[in-house]
């Protein structure tokens, strides 16, 4: 992708919670307009808002440099917070079942290399319709526990 591109980044937000003894999992598509030609720190605020945290991490789901791999924005301090739901997420990518164990709300997206910027590197570029459909049809999750 070239740096001069403006694009609407679409991510899949997964928000688990436990009500009484039932696990509730909210799933929604969230969007953000991004101008890749300049630093857009509002993307960081977008991550904080939709993961409901103050410190994020971006982890690989199937390999960061794998063309079919995904990125997951999560709460870096999620296991340190009381009452946070801990889930195991499983998704087949390239014929291999990839698994992540994460706590709190997450954003699933896609990273790509952006050329033509001072800080060439990997950036969240969002999901296509096909990727969104695939994830929603194939993502499995299991409650592992709740932090004390």
Protein backbone atom coordinates (compact mmCIF):
# COMPACT_ATOMS: atom_id res chain seq x y z
CA UNK A 1 0.00 0.00 0.00
CA UNK A 2 1.22 3.51 -0.78
CA UNK A 3 1.42 6.24 1.86
CA UNK A 4 -0.76 8.75 0.00
CA UNK A 5 -3.82 6.52 0.29
CA UNK A 6 -6.77 7.44 2.47
CA UNK A 7 -8.87 4.52 3.56
CA UNK A 8 -11.62 3.44 5.92
CA UNK A 9 -10.11 0.81 8.20
CA UNK A 10 -12.60 -1.85 9.30
CA UNK A 11 -11.85 -4.07 12.28
CA UNK A 12 -13.82 -6.79 14.01
CA UNK A 13 -14.40 -5.97 17.68
CA UNK A 14 -14.96 -8.85 20.08
CA UNK A 15 -16.15 -7.91 23.55
CA UNK A 16 -16.59 -10.82 25.98
CA UNK A 17 -18.33 -10.51 29.33
CA UNK A 18 -19.77 -12.79 31.97
CA UNK A 19 -23.28 -12.14 33.26
CA UNK A 20 -24.17 -14.36 36.22
CA UNK A 21 -22.81 -17.66 34.90
CA UNK A 22 -23.36 -16.98 31.18
CA UNK A 23 -20.64 -15.91 28.79
CA UNK A 24 -21.81 -13.12 26.48
CA UNK A 25 -19.71 -12.24 23.44
CA UNK A 26 -20.49 -9.06 21.52
CA UNK A 27 -19.20 -9.00 17.95
CA UNK A 28 -19.33 -5.88 15.77
CA UNK A 29 -17.51 -4.21 12.89
CA UNK A 30 -15.95 -0.87 13.85
CA UNK A 31 -14.57 1.65 11.33
CA UNK A 32 -12.07 4.51 11.27
CA UNK A 33 -11.08 6.81 8.39
CA UNK A 34 -7.28 6.95 8.18
CA UNK A 35 -4.94 9.09 6.10
CA UNK A 36 -1.82 6.97 5.63
CA UNK A 37 0.16 9.91 4.20
CA UNK A 38 0.64 11.40 7.67
CA UNK A 39 0.91 10.30 11.26
CA UNK A 40 -2.60 9.82 12.55
CA UNK A 41 -2.42 9.43 16.31
CA UNK A 42 -6.20 9.26 16.46
CA UNK A 43 -5.82 5.59 15.49
CA UNK A 44 -4.23 4.99 18.88
CA UNK A 45 -7.18 6.70 20.59
CA UNK A 46 -9.48 4.52 18.48
CA UNK A 47 -7.69 1.40 19.77
CA UNK A 48 -7.98 2.57 23.38
CA UNK A 49 -11.67 3.35 23.00
CA UNK A 50 -12.63 0.05 21.39
CA UNK A 51 -10.48 -2.20 23.58
CA UNK A 52 -11.49 -0.25 26.70
CA UNK A 53 -7.92 -0.04 27.94
CA UNK A 54 -4.98 2.34 28.46
CA UNK A 55 -2.11 0.24 27.13
CA UNK A 56 -2.41 -1.79 23.94
CA UNK A 57 -0.39 -4.51 22.32
CA UNK A 58 -0.67 -5.80 18.76
CA UNK A 59 -0.13 -9.53 18.41
CA UNK A 60 -0.01 -11.78 15.38
CA UNK A 61 -2.72 -14.29 14.55
CA UNK A 62 -1.20 -16.66 11.98
CA UNK A 63 2.04 -14.76 11.35
CA UNK A 64 2.51 -11.01 10.96
CA UNK A 65 4.32 -11.36 7.63
CA UNK A 66 2.03 -14.13 6.41
CA UNK A 67 -0.22 -12.66 3.67
CA UNK A 68 -3.16 -14.48 5.28
CA UNK A 69 -2.17 -13.69 8.87
CA UNK A 70 -4.13 -11.24 10.97
CA UNK A 71 -3.32 -8.74 13.69
CA UNK A 72 -5.07 -8.48 17.03
CA UNK A 73 -5.13 -5.30 19.11
CA UNK A 74 -5.53 -6.23 22.77
CA UNK A 75 -5.13 -4.91 26.30
CA UNK A 76 -1.45 -5.29 27.22
CA UNK A 77 -2.35 -5.21 30.92
CA UNK A 78 -5.54 -7.27 30.64
CA UNK A 79 -4.45 -10.07 32.96
CA UNK A 80 -3.59 -7.54 35.68
CA UNK A 81 -7.14 -6.14 35.86
CA UNK A 82 -9.77 -7.57 38.16
CA UNK A 83 -12.90 -9.04 36.55
CA UNK A 84 -11.47 -9.28 33.03
CA UNK A 85 -12.72 -12.19 30.91
CA UNK A 86 -9.94 -14.46 29.57
CA UNK A 87 -10.74 -16.24 26.30
CA UNK A 88 -9.05 -18.68 23.95
CA UNK A 89 -9.59 -17.72 20.31
CA UNK A 90 -9.04 -20.28 17.54
CA UNK A 91 -9.05 -19.65 13.80
CA UNK A 92 -7.81 -21.80 10.90
CA UNK A 93 -5.27 -19.85 8.81
CA UNK A 94 -3.53 -21.56 5.88
CA UNK A 95 -4.74 -24.97 7.05
CA UNK A 96 -3.29 -24.55 10.55
CA UNK A 97 -5.37 -23.88 13.65
CA UNK A 98 -3.98 -20.69 15.20
CA UNK A 99 -4.78 -19.94 18.83
CA UNK A 100 -4.46 -16.93 21.10
CA UNK A 101 -5.29 -16.56 24.79
CA UNK A 102 -6.28 -12.97 25.54
CA UNK A 103 -8.25 -10.99 28.09
CA UNK A 104 -10.72 -8.18 27.61
CA UNK A 105 -12.04 -6.71 24.38
CA UNK A 106 -10.00 -7.23 21.21
CA UNK A 107 -9.87 -5.85 17.68
CA UNK A 108 -9.05 -8.22 14.82
CA UNK A 109 -7.62 -6.65 11.70
CA UNK A 110 -4.92 -6.88 9.07
CA UNK A 111 -1.52 -5.20 8.99
CA UNK A 112 0.32 -4.25 5.82
CA UNK A 113 3.61 -2.59 4.96
CA UNK A 114 3.17 1.10 4.04
CA UNK A 115 5.78 2.53 1.65
CA UNK A 116 6.63 6.17 1.06
CA UNK A 117 6.61 7.44 4.64
CA UNK A 118 9.52 8.54 6.79
CA UNK A 119 8.71 5.65 9.09
CA UNK A 120 8.05 2.86 6.57
CA UNK A 121 6.57 -0.01 8.47
CA UNK A 122 3.58 -2.12 9.36
CA UNK A 123 0.23 -0.40 9.85
CA UNK A 124 -3.31 -1.55 10.53
CA UNK A 125 -5.12 -1.46 7.18
CA UNK A 126 -8.31 -3.24 8.19
CA UNK A 127 -10.28 -6.15 6.78
CA UNK A 128 -11.95 -6.81 3.44
CA UNK A 129 -15.53 -8.08 3.22
CA UNK A 130 -14.20 -11.57 2.50
CA UNK A 131 -11.88 -11.52 5.51
CA UNK A 132 -14.66 -10.28 7.79
CA UNK A 133 -16.98 -13.05 6.55
CA UNK A 134 -14.28 -15.70 7.00
CA UNK A 135 -13.48 -14.63 10.55
CA UNK A 136 -17.12 -14.39 11.59
CA UNK A 137 -17.86 -17.84 10.16
CA UNK A 138 -14.75 -19.61 11.49
CA UNK A 139 -13.58 -17.93 14.68
CA UNK A 140 -14.10 -20.09 17.74
CA UNK A 141 -13.77 -18.89 21.31
CA UNK A 142 -13.80 -20.51 24.71
CA UNK A 143 -13.97 -19.01 28.19
CA UNK A 144 -10.81 -19.79 30.16
CA UNK A 145 -11.68 -17.78 33.25
CA UNK A 146 -12.08 -14.38 34.81
CA UNK A 147 -9.26 -12.47 36.47
CA UNK A 148 -9.54 -11.96 40.25
